[in-house]
PDB file of all heavy atoms in Angstrom:
ATOM      1  N   ASN A   1      -5.526 122.394 -62.318  1.00  0.00           N
ATOM      2  CA  ASN A   1      -5.412 121.185 -63.245  1.00  0.00           C
ATOM      3  C   ASN A   1      -4.246 120.266 -62.840  1.00  0.00           C
ATOM      4  O   ASN A   1      -3.507 119.799 -63.592  1.00  0.00           O
ATOM      5  CB  ASN A   1      -5.258 121.558 -64.724  1.00  0.00           C
ATOM      6  CG  ASN A   1      -6.541 122.031 -65.322  1.00  0.00           C
ATOM      7  OD1 ASN A   1      -7.616 122.076 -64.635  1.00  0.00           O
ATOM      8  ND2 ASN A   1      -6.502 122.559 -66.500  1.00  0.00           N
ATOM      9  N   THR A   2      -4.130 120.134 -61.530  1.00  0.00           N
ATOM     10  CA  THR A   2      -3.006 119.337 -60.932  1.00  0.00           C
ATOM     11  C   THR A   2      -3.430 118.389 -59.903  1.00  0.00           C
ATOM     12  O   THR A   2      -4.266 118.743 -59.072  1.00  0.00           O
ATOM     13  CB  THR A   2      -1.872 120.355 -60.410  1.00  0.00           C
ATOM     14  OG1 THR A   2      -1.454 121.252 -61.425  1.00  0.00           O
ATOM     15  CG2 THR A   2      -0.715 119.567 -59.948  1.00  0.00           C
ATOM     16  N   VAL A   3      -2.838 117.187 -59.913  1.00  0.00           N
ATOM     17  CA  VAL A   3      -3.033 116.154 -58.897  1.00  0.00           C
ATOM     18  C   VAL A   3      -1.709 115.969 -58.235  1.00  0.00           C
ATOM     19  O   VAL A   3      -0.652 116.037 -58.809  1.00  0.00           O
ATOM     20  CB  VAL A   3      -3.665 114.920 -59.419  1.00  0.00           C
ATOM     21  CG1 VAL A   3      -2.662 114.225 -60.420  1.00  0.00           C
ATOM     22  CG2 VAL A   3      -4.045 113.973 -58.254  1.00  0.00           C
ATOM     23  N   TYR A   4      -1.723 115.713 -56.909  1.00  0.00           N
ATOM     24  CA  TYR A   4      -0.474 115.523 -56.144  1.00  0.00           C
ATOM     25  C   TYR A   4      -0.505 114.179 -55.389  1.00  0.00           C
ATOM     26  O   TYR A   4      -1.563 113.619 -55.129  1.00  0.00           O
ATOM     27  CB  TYR A   4      -0.333 116.571 -55.041  1.00  0.00           C
ATOM     28  CG  TYR A   4      -0.522 118.073 -55.542  1.00  0.00           C
ATOM     29  CD1 TYR A   4      -1.758 118.734 -55.601  1.00  0.00           C
ATOM     30  CD2 TYR A   4       0.612 118.718 -56.123  1.00  0.00           C
ATOM     31  CE1 TYR A   4      -1.806 119.991 -56.043  1.00  0.00           C
ATOM     32  CE2 TYR A   4       0.520 119.977 -56.648  1.00  0.00           C
ATOM     33  CZ  TYR A   4      -0.767 120.577 -56.612  1.00  0.00           C
ATOM     34  OH  TYR A   4      -0.804 121.882 -57.040  1.00  0.00           O
ATOM     35  N   LEU A   5       0.762 113.783 -55.085  1.00  0.00           N
ATOM     36  CA  LEU A   5       0.899 112.511 -54.287  1.00  0.00           C
ATOM     37  C   LEU A   5       1.940 112.952 -53.276  1.00  0.00           C
ATOM     38  O   LEU A   5       3.112 112.991 -53.607  1.00  0.00           O
ATOM     39  CB  LEU A   5       1.235 111.289 -55.131  1.00  0.00           C
ATOM     40  CG  LEU A   5       1.322 109.981 -54.286  1.00  0.00           C
ATOM     41  CD1 LEU A   5      -0.042 109.628 -53.797  1.00  0.00           C
ATOM     42  CD2 LEU A   5       1.994 108.947 -55.098  1.00  0.00           C
ATOM     43  N   GLN A   6       1.612 113.143 -52.068  1.00  0.00           N
ATOM     44  CA  GLN A   6       2.464 113.341 -50.937  1.00  0.00           C
ATOM     45  C   GLN A   6       2.878 111.965 -50.351  1.00  0.00           C
ATOM     46  O   GLN A   6       1.951 111.230 -49.958  1.00  0.00           O
ATOM     47  CB  GLN A   6       1.854 114.175 -49.836  1.00  0.00           C
ATOM     48  CG  GLN A   6       2.762 114.418 -48.660  1.00  0.00           C
ATOM     49  CD  GLN A   6       3.926 115.330 -48.893  1.00  0.00           C
ATOM     50  OE1 GLN A   6       3.882 116.261 -49.583  1.00  0.00           O
ATOM     51  NE2 GLN A   6       5.062 114.924 -48.487  1.00  0.00           N
ATOM     52  N   MET A   7       4.187 111.771 -50.389  1.00  0.00           N
ATOM     53  CA  MET A   7       4.660 110.387 -49.882  1.00  0.00           C
ATOM     54  C   MET A   7       5.557 110.644 -48.612  1.00  0.00           C
ATOM     55  O   MET A   7       6.609 111.379 -48.800  1.00  0.00           O
ATOM     56  CB  MET A   7       5.365 109.708 -51.028  1.00  0.00           C
ATOM     57  CG  MET A   7       4.569 109.429 -52.325  1.00  0.00           C
ATOM     58  SD  MET A   7       5.329 108.348 -53.380  1.00  0.00           S
ATOM     59  CE  MET A   7       6.718 109.361 -53.916  1.00  0.00           C
ATOM     60  N   ASN A   8       5.241 110.062 -47.660  1.00  0.00           N
ATOM     61  CA  ASN A   8       6.142 110.196 -46.408  1.00  0.00           C
ATOM     62  C   ASN A   8       6.615 108.780 -45.943  1.00  0.00           C
ATOM     63  O   ASN A   8       6.140 107.792 -46.420  1.00  0.00           O
ATOM     64  CB  ASN A   8       5.282 110.860 -45.238  1.00  0.00           C
ATOM     65  CG  ASN A   8       4.702 112.190 -45.640  1.00  0.00           C
ATOM     66  OD1 ASN A   8       5.280 113.026 -46.279  1.00  0.00           O
ATOM     67  ND2 ASN A   8       3.514 112.489 -45.178  1.00  0.00           N
ATOM     68  N   SER A   9       7.562 108.824 -45.019  1.00  0.00           N
ATOM     69  CA  SER A   9       8.190 107.604 -44.443  1.00  0.00           C
ATOM     70  C   SER A   9       8.538 106.684 -45.623  1.00  0.00           C
ATOM     71  O   SER A   9       8.178 105.532 -45.566  1.00  0.00           O
ATOM     72  CB  SER A   9       7.212 106.965 -43.479  1.00  0.00           C
ATOM     73  OG  SER A   9       6.805 107.885 -42.470  1.00  0.00           O
ATOM     74  N   LEU A  10       9.224 107.198 -46.597  1.00  0.00           N
ATOM     75  CA  LEU A  10       9.560 106.429 -47.831  1.00  0.00           C
ATOM     76  C   LEU A  10      10.380 105.171 -47.473  1.00  0.00           C
ATOM     77  O   LEU A  10      11.315 105.268 -46.564  1.00  0.00           O
ATOM     78  CB  LEU A  10      10.163 107.218 -48.845  1.00  0.00           C
ATOM     79  CG  LEU A  10       9.103 108.094 -49.575  1.00  0.00           C
ATOM     80  CD1 LEU A  10       9.787 109.269 -50.369  1.00  0.00           C
ATOM     81  CD2 LEU A  10       8.315 107.263 -50.635  1.00  0.00           C
ATOM     82  N   LYS A  11      10.245 104.090 -48.197  1.00  0.00           N
ATOM     83  CA  LYS A  11      10.924 102.886 -47.983  1.00  0.00           C
ATOM     84  C   LYS A  11      11.633 102.485 -49.287  1.00  0.00           C
ATOM     85  O   LYS A  11      11.202 102.875 -50.354  1.00  0.00           O
ATOM     86  CB  LYS A  11       9.997 101.782 -47.573  1.00  0.00           C
ATOM     87  CG  LYS A  11       9.168 102.054 -46.392  1.00  0.00           C
ATOM     88  CD  LYS A  11       8.102 100.933 -46.183  1.00  0.00           C
ATOM     89  CE  LYS A  11       7.217 101.180 -45.049  1.00  0.00           C
ATOM     90  NZ  LYS A  11       6.197 100.029 -44.788  1.00  0.00           N
ATOM     91  N   PRO A  12      12.765 101.727 -49.194  1.00  0.00           N
ATOM     92  CA  PRO A  12      13.454 101.348 -50.484  1.00  0.00           C
ATOM     93  C   PRO A  12      12.414 100.604 -51.361  1.00  0.00           C
ATOM     94  O   PRO A  12      12.665 100.772 -52.616  1.00  0.00           O
ATOM     95  CB  PRO A  12      14.507 100.477 -49.907  1.00  0.00           C
ATOM     96  CG  PRO A  12      14.892 100.928 -48.593  1.00  0.00           C
ATOM     97  CD  PRO A  12      13.539 101.386 -48.035  1.00  0.00           C
ATOM     98  N   GLU A  13      11.496  99.990 -50.897  1.00  0.00           N
ATOM     99  CA  GLU A  13      10.598  99.224 -51.784  1.00  0.00           C
ATOM    100  C   GLU A  13       9.589 100.167 -52.492  1.00  0.00           C
ATOM    101  O   GLU A  13       8.784  99.718 -53.357  1.00  0.00           O
ATOM    102  CB  GLU A  13       9.760  98.164 -51.018  1.00  0.00           C
ATOM    103  CG  GLU A  13       9.189  98.655 -49.655  1.00  0.00           C
ATOM    104  CD  GLU A  13       9.967  98.346 -48.522  1.00  0.00           C
ATOM    105  OE1 GLU A  13      11.224  98.596 -48.526  1.00  0.00           O
ATOM    106  OE2 GLU A  13       9.481  97.948 -47.456  1.00  0.00           O
ATOM    107  N   ASP A  14       9.629 101.445 -52.165  1.00  0.00           N
ATOM    108  CA  ASP A  14       8.828 102.455 -52.858  1.00  0.00           C
ATOM    109  C   ASP A  14       9.510 102.849 -54.167  1.00  0.00           C
ATOM    110  O   ASP A  14       8.926 103.591 -54.953  1.00  0.00           O
ATOM    111  CB  ASP A  14       8.546 103.656 -52.005  1.00  0.00           C
ATOM    112  CG  ASP A  14       7.676 103.419 -50.802  1.00  0.00           C
ATOM    113  OD1 ASP A  14       6.730 102.607 -50.944  1.00  0.00           O
ATOM    114  OD2 ASP A  14       7.967 103.865 -49.729  1.00  0.00           O
ATOM    115  N   THR A  15      10.793 102.520 -54.355  1.00  0.00           N
ATOM    116  CA  THR A  15      11.462 102.792 -55.532  1.00  0.00           C
ATOM    117  C   THR A  15      10.775 102.355 -56.763  1.00  0.00           C
ATOM    118  O   THR A  15      10.511 101.059 -56.933  1.00  0.00           O
ATOM    119  CB  THR A  15      12.912 102.221 -55.445  1.00  0.00           C
ATOM    120  OG1 THR A  15      13.649 102.883 -54.423  1.00  0.00           O
ATOM    121  CG2 THR A  15      13.620 102.479 -56.835  1.00  0.00           C
ATOM    122  N   ALA A  16      10.525 103.197 -57.714  1.00  0.00           N
ATOM    123  CA  ALA A  16       9.755 102.829 -58.898  1.00  0.00           C
ATOM    124  C   ALA A  16       9.661 104.118 -59.829  1.00  0.00           C
ATOM    125  O   ALA A  16       9.979 105.226 -59.352  1.00  0.00           O
ATOM    126  CB  ALA A  16       8.374 102.348 -58.605  1.00  0.00           C
ATOM    127  N   VAL A  17       9.150 103.866 -61.066  1.00  0.00           N
ATOM    128  CA  VAL A  17       8.678 104.986 -61.836  1.00  0.00           C
ATOM    129  C   VAL A  17       7.251 105.167 -61.463  1.00  0.00           C
ATOM    130  O   VAL A  17       6.405 104.228 -61.480  1.00  0.00           O
ATOM    131  CB  VAL A  17       8.852 104.698 -63.418  1.00  0.00           C
ATOM    132  CG1 VAL A  17       8.288 105.860 -64.149  1.00  0.00           C
ATOM    133  CG2 VAL A  17      10.305 104.486 -63.685  1.00  0.00           C
ATOM    134  N   TYR A  18       6.804 106.483 -61.109  1.00  0.00           N
ATOM    135  CA  TYR A  18       5.518 106.736 -60.706  1.00  0.00           C
ATOM    136  C   TYR A  18       4.828 107.459 -61.951  1.00  0.00           C
ATOM    137  O   TYR A  18       5.320 108.362 -62.533  1.00  0.00           O
ATOM    138  CB  TYR A  18       5.460 107.678 -59.557  1.00  0.00           C
ATOM    139  CG  TYR A  18       5.788 106.872 -58.343  1.00  0.00           C
ATOM    140  CD1 TYR A  18       7.094 106.425 -58.000  1.00  0.00           C
ATOM    141  CD2 TYR A  18       4.718 106.641 -57.330  1.00  0.00           C
ATOM    142  CE1 TYR A  18       7.258 105.669 -56.859  1.00  0.00           C
ATOM    143  CE2 TYR A  18       5.076 105.913 -56.203  1.00  0.00           C
ATOM    144  CZ  TYR A  18       6.297 105.397 -56.028  1.00  0.00           C
ATOM    145  OH  TYR A  18       6.542 104.744 -54.834  1.00  0.00           O
ATOM    146  N   TYR A  19       3.598 106.857 -62.250  1.00  0.00           N
ATOM    147  CA  TYR A  19       2.758 107.396 -63.370  1.00  0.00           C
ATOM    148  C   TYR A  19       1.499 107.980 -62.872  1.00  0.00           C
ATOM    149  O   TYR A  19       0.820 107.449 -61.991  1.00  0.00           O
ATOM    150  CB  TYR A  19       2.436 106.242 -64.259  1.00  0.00           C
ATOM    151  CG  TYR A  19       3.679 105.632 -64.975  1.00  0.00           C
ATOM    152  CD1 TYR A  19       4.283 104.547 -64.325  1.00  0.00           C
ATOM    153  CD2 TYR A  19       4.143 106.041 -66.154  1.00  0.00           C
ATOM    154  CE1 TYR A  19       5.437 103.920 -64.966  1.00  0.00           C
ATOM    155  CE2 TYR A  19       5.215 105.536 -66.844  1.00  0.00           C
ATOM    156  CZ  TYR A  19       5.859 104.488 -66.205  1.00  0.00           C
ATOM    157  OH  TYR A  19       6.966 103.876 -66.837  1.00  0.00           O
ATOM    158  N   CYS A  20       1.102 109.069 -63.622  1.00  0.00           N
ATOM    159  CA  CYS A  20      -0.176 109.712 -63.303  1.00  0.00           C
ATOM    160  C   CYS A  20      -1.107 109.240 -64.366  1.00  0.00           C
ATOM    161  O   CYS A  20      -0.693 108.975 -65.587  1.00  0.00           O
ATOM    162  CB  CYS A  20       0.007 111.231 -63.361  1.00  0.00           C
ATOM    163  SG  CYS A  20      -1.378 112.202 -63.312  1.00  0.00           S
ATOM    164  N   ALA A  21      -2.381 108.993 -64.003  1.00  0.00           N
ATOM    165  CA  ALA A  21      -3.364 108.495 -65.027  1.00  0.00           C
ATOM    166  C   ALA A  21      -4.688 109.250 -64.781  1.00  0.00           C
ATOM    167  O   ALA A  21      -5.029 109.613 -63.747  1.00  0.00           O
ATOM    168  CB  ALA A  21      -3.535 107.025 -64.906  1.00  0.00           C
ATOM    169  N   ALA A  22      -5.457 109.444 -65.924  1.00  0.00           N
ATOM    170  CA  ALA A  22      -6.779 110.036 -65.853  1.00  0.00           C
ATOM    171  C   ALA A  22      -7.867 109.151 -66.335  1.00  0.00           C
ATOM    172  O   ALA A  22      -7.662 108.371 -67.345  1.00  0.00           O
ATOM    173  CB  ALA A  22      -6.706 111.411 -66.680  1.00  0.00           C
ATOM    174  N   ARG A  23      -9.021 109.295 -65.792  1.00  0.00           N
ATOM    175  CA  ARG A  23     -10.175 108.524 -66.186  1.00  0.00           C
ATOM    176  C   ARG A  23     -11.407 109.528 -66.289  1.00  0.00           C
ATOM    177  O   ARG A  23     -11.840 110.018 -65.336  1.00  0.00           O
ATOM    178  CB  ARG A  23     -10.462 107.454 -65.136  1.00  0.00           C
ATOM    179  CG  ARG A  23     -11.769 106.630 -65.352  1.00  0.00           C
ATOM    180  CD  ARG A  23     -11.970 105.719 -64.262  1.00  0.00           C
ATOM    181  NE  ARG A  23     -13.064 104.726 -64.619  1.00  0.00           N
ATOM    182  CZ  ARG A  23     -13.542 103.774 -63.886  1.00  0.00           C
ATOM    183  NH1 ARG A  23     -13.066 103.602 -62.608  1.00  0.00           N
ATOM    184  NH2 ARG A  23     -14.506 103.032 -64.338  1.00  0.00           N
ATOM    185  N   ARG A  24     -11.830 109.592 -67.463  1.00  0.00           N
ATOM    186  CA  ARG A  24     -12.975 110.477 -67.729  1.00  0.00           C
ATOM    187  C   ARG A  24     -14.290 109.798 -67.107  1.00  0.00           C
ATOM    188  O   ARG A  24     -14.506 108.661 -67.411  1.00  0.00           O
ATOM    189  CB  ARG A  24     -13.182 110.759 -69.253  1.00  0.00           C
ATOM    190  CG  ARG A  24     -14.363 111.616 -69.562  1.00  0.00           C
ATOM    191  CD  ARG A  24     -13.892 113.064 -69.336  1.00  0.00           C
ATOM    192  NE  ARG A  24     -15.106 114.011 -69.626  1.00  0.00           N
ATOM    193  CZ  ARG A  24     -15.471 114.465 -70.767  1.00  0.00           C
ATOM    194  NH1 ARG A  24     -14.857 114.050 -71.887  1.00  0.00           N
ATOM    195  NH2 ARG A  24     -16.530 115.184 -70.927  1.00  0.00           N
ATOM    196  N   THR A  25     -14.952 110.547 -66.349  1.00  0.00           N
ATOM    197  CA  THR A  25     -16.157 109.944 -65.774  1.00  0.00           C
ATOM    198  C   THR A  25     -17.090 111.103 -65.347  1.00  0.00           C
ATOM    199  O   THR A  25     -16.739 112.218 -64.973  1.00  0.00           O
ATOM    200  CB  THR A  25     -15.813 109.074 -64.545  1.00  0.00           C
ATOM    201  OG1 THR A  25     -17.069 108.684 -63.890  1.00  0.00           O
ATOM    202  CG2 THR A  25     -15.059 110.030 -63.385  1.00  0.00           C
ATOM    203  N   TYR A  26     -18.512 110.842 -65.418  1.00  0.00           N
ATOM    204  CA  TYR A  26     -19.485 111.725 -64.904  1.00  0.00           C
ATOM    205  C   TYR A  26     -19.743 111.634 -63.454  1.00  0.00           C
ATOM    206  O   TYR A  26     -20.366 112.413 -62.866  1.00  0.00           O
ATOM    207  CB  TYR A  26     -20.832 111.587 -65.755  1.00  0.00           C
ATOM    208  CG  TYR A  26     -20.627 111.928 -67.112  1.00  0.00           C
ATOM    209  CD1 TYR A  26     -20.601 110.907 -68.138  1.00  0.00           C
ATOM    210  CD2 TYR A  26     -20.479 113.301 -67.617  1.00  0.00           C
ATOM    211  CE1 TYR A  26     -20.475 111.277 -69.501  1.00  0.00           C
ATOM    212  CE2 TYR A  26     -20.369 113.615 -68.884  1.00  0.00           C
ATOM    213  CZ  TYR A  26     -20.336 112.591 -69.834  1.00  0.00           C
ATOM    214  OH  TYR A  26     -20.190 112.930 -71.232  1.00  0.00           O
ATOM    215  N   SER A  27     -19.342 110.426 -62.864  1.00  0.00           N
ATOM    216  CA  SER A  27     -19.506 110.243 -61.434  1.00  0.00           C
ATOM    217  C   SER A  27     -18.592 110.998 -60.544  1.00  0.00           C
ATOM    218  O   SER A  27     -17.408 110.908 -60.775  1.00  0.00           O
ATOM    219  CB  SER A  27     -19.392 108.716 -61.193  1.00  0.00           C
ATOM    220  OG  SER A  27     -19.411 108.491 -59.783  1.00  0.00           O
ATOM    221  N   PRO A  28     -19.100 111.709 -59.614  1.00  0.00           N
ATOM    222  CA  PRO A  28     -18.280 112.532 -58.671  1.00  0.00           C
ATOM    223  C   PRO A  28     -17.526 111.621 -57.598  1.00  0.00           C
ATOM    224  O   PRO A  28     -16.743 112.179 -56.950  1.00  0.00           O
ATOM    225  CB  PRO A  28     -19.332 113.448 -58.027  1.00  0.00           C
ATOM    226  CG  PRO A  28     -20.529 112.785 -58.011  1.00  0.00           C
ATOM    227  CD  PRO A  28     -20.584 111.934 -59.359  1.00  0.00           C
ATOM    228  N   THR A  29     -17.940 110.429 -57.557  1.00  0.00           N
ATOM    229  CA  THR A  29     -17.316 109.498 -56.507  1.00  0.00           C
ATOM    230  C   THR A  29     -16.453 108.312 -57.188  1.00  0.00           C
ATOM    231  O   THR A  29     -15.799 107.669 -56.503  1.00  0.00           O
ATOM    232  CB  THR A  29     -18.397 108.972 -55.616  1.00  0.00           C
ATOM    233  OG1 THR A  29     -19.310 108.141 -56.421  1.00  0.00           O
ATOM    234  CG2 THR A  29     -19.169 110.058 -54.933  1.00  0.00           C
ATOM    235  N   LEU A  30     -16.575 108.171 -58.421  1.00  0.00           N
ATOM    236  CA  LEU A  30     -15.860 107.044 -58.996  1.00  0.00           C
ATOM    237  C   LEU A  30     -14.411 107.220 -59.112  1.00  0.00           C
ATOM    238  O   LEU A  30     -13.943 108.458 -59.347  1.00  0.00           O
ATOM    239  CB  LEU A  30     -16.369 106.842 -60.490  1.00  0.00           C
ATOM    240  CG  LEU A  30     -15.895 105.597 -61.226  1.00  0.00           C
ATOM    241  CD1 LEU A  30     -16.499 104.276 -60.458  1.00  0.00           C
ATOM    242  CD2 LEU A  30     -16.370 105.601 -62.648  1.00  0.00           C
ATOM    243  N   VAL A  31     -13.613 106.240 -58.695  1.00  0.00           N
ATOM    244  CA  VAL A  31     -12.129 106.307 -58.780  1.00  0.00           C
ATOM    245  C   VAL A  31     -11.524 105.386 -59.799  1.00  0.00           C
ATOM    246  O   VAL A  31     -11.029 105.715 -60.770  1.00  0.00           O
ATOM    247  CB  VAL A  31     -11.583 106.184 -57.352  1.00  0.00           C
ATOM    248  CG1 VAL A  31     -10.005 106.336 -57.355  1.00  0.00           C
ATOM    249  CG2 VAL A  31     -12.150 107.206 -56.419  1.00  0.00           C
ATOM    250  N   GLY A  32     -11.527 104.099 -59.254  1.00  0.00           N
ATOM    251  CA  GLY A  32     -10.934 103.063 -60.204  1.00  0.00           C
ATOM    252  C   GLY A  32      -9.551 102.729 -59.608  1.00  0.00           C
ATOM    253  O   GLY A  32      -8.804 103.604 -59.072  1.00  0.00           O
ATOM    254  N   THR A  33      -9.212 101.437 -59.751  1.00  0.00           N
ATOM    255  CA  THR A  33      -7.872 100.976 -59.228  1.00  0.00           C
ATOM    256  C   THR A  33      -7.133 100.145 -60.245  1.00  0.00           C
ATOM    257  O   THR A  33      -6.033  99.710 -60.064  1.00  0.00           O
ATOM    258  CB  THR A  33      -8.116 100.088 -57.917  1.00  0.00           C
ATOM    259  OG1 THR A  33      -8.863  99.003 -58.275  1.00  0.00           O
ATOM    260  CG2 THR A  33      -8.713 100.964 -56.845  1.00  0.00           C
ATOM    261  N   ARG A  34      -7.734  99.820 -61.375  1.00  0.00           N
ATOM    262  CA  ARG A  34      -7.106  99.015 -62.324  1.00  0.00           C
ATOM    263  C   ARG A  34      -6.514  99.829 -63.491  1.00  0.00           C
ATOM    264  O   ARG A  34      -7.064 100.901 -63.814  1.00  0.00           O
ATOM    265  CB  ARG A  34      -8.228  98.052 -63.047  1.00  0.00           C
ATOM    266  CG  ARG A  34      -8.882  97.142 -61.947  1.00  0.00           C
ATOM    267  CD  ARG A  34      -9.954  96.315 -62.758  1.00  0.00           C
ATOM    268  NE  ARG A  34     -10.847  97.249 -63.398  1.00  0.00           N
ATOM    269  CZ  ARG A  34     -11.668  96.815 -64.504  1.00  0.00           C
ATOM    270  NH1 ARG A  34     -11.564  95.558 -64.933  1.00  0.00           N
ATOM    271  NH2 ARG A  34     -12.386  97.740 -65.056  1.00  0.00           N
ATOM    272  N   ARG A  35      -5.476  99.367 -64.019  1.00  0.00           N
ATOM    273  CA  ARG A  35      -4.783 100.140 -65.204  1.00  0.00           C
ATOM    274  C   ARG A  35      -5.901 100.320 -66.230  1.00  0.00           C
ATOM    275  O   ARG A  35      -5.914 101.394 -66.882  1.00  0.00           O
ATOM    276  CB  ARG A  35      -3.651  99.275 -65.732  1.00  0.00           C
ATOM    277  CG  ARG A  35      -2.507  99.290 -64.928  1.00  0.00           C
ATOM    278  CD  ARG A  35      -1.297  98.510 -65.614  1.00  0.00           C
ATOM    279  NE  ARG A  35      -0.926  99.116 -66.869  1.00  0.00           N
ATOM    280  CZ  ARG A  35       0.069  98.762 -67.685  1.00  0.00           C
ATOM    281  NH1 ARG A  35       0.768  97.688 -67.197  1.00  0.00           N
ATOM    282  NH2 ARG A  35       0.442  99.415 -68.742  1.00  0.00           N
ATOM    283  N   ALA A  36      -6.652  99.341 -66.513  1.00  0.00           N
ATOM    284  CA  ALA A  36      -7.648  99.421 -67.651  1.00  0.00           C
ATOM    285  C   ALA A  36      -8.737 100.452 -67.395  1.00  0.00           C
ATOM    286  O   ALA A  36      -9.456 100.857 -68.274  1.00  0.00           O
ATOM    287  CB  ALA A  36      -8.291  98.054 -67.865  1.00  0.00           C
ATOM    288  N   ASP A  37      -8.865 100.910 -66.134  1.00  0.00           N
ATOM    289  CA  ASP A  37      -9.850 101.911 -65.828  1.00  0.00           C
ATOM    290  C   ASP A  37      -9.510 103.329 -66.388  1.00  0.00           C
ATOM    291  O   ASP A  37     -10.359 104.151 -66.479  1.00  0.00           O
ATOM    292  CB  ASP A  37     -10.015 102.109 -64.318  1.00  0.00           C
ATOM    293  CG  ASP A  37     -10.694 100.838 -63.663  1.00  0.00           C
ATOM    294  OD1 ASP A  37     -11.390 100.120 -64.373  1.00  0.00           O
ATOM    295  OD2 ASP A  37     -10.412 100.547 -62.495  1.00  0.00           O
TER     296      ASP A  37
END
């Protein structure tokens, strides 16, 4: 029950608070890119 984000070659502009989010879906291929998703 875990998702990971491996980040390499980090840059100063990557500085931020990073949030994890979940989207309930029946589709095995759906992802989403909007906050509202």
